[in-house]
Amino acid sequence: MRLADRVFAPHYAAPLQRVTTRPTALRFARDVDSEQLAVLNPGEVFEVLELSGGLAWGSAPAQQLVGYVAAADLGLPA
């Protein structure tokens, strides 16, 4: 939603704020063999935009990266 004034899309979504519960690979694509962009440390914020097939797609604001993480590695913020 924060890009709505700069990017056109058929719909916009407010991200779900989650935190990583263990070291978690942030990957470029859904495939487990895809490029690893970063490792998110426990407690790092991950903004979920889509959940599907055990994966969460969204952004890691601290690294300014977008990608996929295992949904099982995410929990609710404290």
Protein backbone atom coordinates (compact mmCIF):
# COMPACT_ATOMS: atom_id res chain seq x y z
CA MET A 1 0.00 0.00 0.00
CA ARG A 2 2.86 2.40 0.68
CA LEU A 3 3.74 2.30 -3.04
CA ALA A 4 0.19 3.04 -4.23
CA ASP A 5 1.07 6.64 -5.09
CA ARG A 6 4.05 5.51 -7.25
CA VAL A 7 3.10 2.10 -8.71
CA PHE A 8 -0.15 1.07 -10.36
CA ALA A 9 -1.52 -2.39 -9.49
CA PRO A 10 -4.99 -3.93 -9.80
CA HIS A 11 -5.08 -4.21 -6.00
CA TYR A 12 -2.91 -3.34 -3.02
CA ALA A 13 -2.35 -5.25 0.19
CA ALA A 14 -1.35 -4.20 3.68
CA PRO A 15 1.51 -6.46 4.81
CA LEU A 16 1.18 -8.79 7.79
CA GLN A 17 3.95 -8.00 10.25
CA ARG A 18 5.79 -11.15 11.33
CA VAL A 19 9.17 -11.89 12.88
CA THR A 20 11.56 -14.73 12.20
CA THR A 21 11.76 -17.36 14.92
CA ARG A 22 15.10 -18.88 13.80
CA PRO A 23 17.76 -18.13 11.18
CA THR A 24 15.80 -18.10 7.93
CA ALA A 25 16.91 -18.07 4.29
CA LEU A 26 15.39 -15.33 2.16
CA ARG A 27 15.26 -16.68 -1.39
CA PHE A 28 14.78 -15.01 -4.76
CA ALA A 29 12.20 -17.58 -5.97
CA ARG A 30 9.94 -20.28 -4.53
CA ASP A 31 12.39 -23.07 -5.40
CA VAL A 32 14.58 -24.17 -2.47
CA ASP A 33 17.53 -24.22 -4.87
CA SER A 34 17.01 -20.60 -5.94
CA GLU A 35 19.48 -17.87 -5.07
CA GLN A 36 19.70 -17.07 -1.36
CA LEU A 37 19.51 -13.30 -0.99
CA ALA A 38 20.14 -13.13 2.77
CA VAL A 39 19.77 -14.92 6.06
CA LEU A 40 17.27 -13.30 8.40
CA ASN A 41 18.23 -13.55 12.06
CA PRO A 42 15.74 -14.49 14.80
CA GLY A 43 13.52 -11.52 15.65
CA GLU A 44 13.91 -9.75 12.30
CA VAL A 45 10.75 -8.26 10.81
CA PHE A 46 9.33 -9.83 7.66
CA GLU A 47 6.33 -8.17 5.99
CA VAL A 48 4.17 -10.93 4.48
CA LEU A 49 2.22 -10.10 1.34
CA GLU A 50 1.28 -13.64 0.28
CA LEU A 51 1.17 -17.10 1.89
CA SER A 52 1.08 -20.18 -0.34
CA GLY A 53 2.40 -23.72 -0.22
CA GLY A 54 4.26 -23.29 3.06
CA LEU A 55 6.09 -20.19 1.83
CA ALA A 56 5.64 -16.52 2.59
CA TRP A 57 6.44 -13.88 -0.03
CA GLY A 58 7.15 -10.38 1.14
CA SER A 59 9.86 -7.98 2.19
CA ALA A 60 12.61 -7.79 4.77
CA PRO A 61 12.74 -4.04 5.48
CA ALA A 62 16.09 -4.12 7.30
CA GLN A 63 17.79 -5.48 4.17
CA GLN A 64 15.48 -3.71 1.71
CA LEU A 65 14.95 -7.06 -0.05
CA VAL A 66 11.92 -8.91 -1.37
CA GLY A 67 11.70 -12.68 -1.54
CA TYR A 68 10.42 -15.96 -0.11
CA VAL A 69 10.87 -17.49 3.34
CA ALA A 70 9.50 -20.64 4.96
CA ALA A 71 6.20 -19.71 6.61
CA ALA A 72 7.00 -22.09 9.49
CA ASP A 73 9.95 -19.84 10.40
CA LEU A 74 7.68 -16.85 11.10
CA GLY A 75 5.84 -15.87 14.25
CA LEU A 76 3.81 -13.00 15.65
CA PRO A 77 5.70 -9.92 16.86
CA ALA A 78 5.97 -9.53 20.63
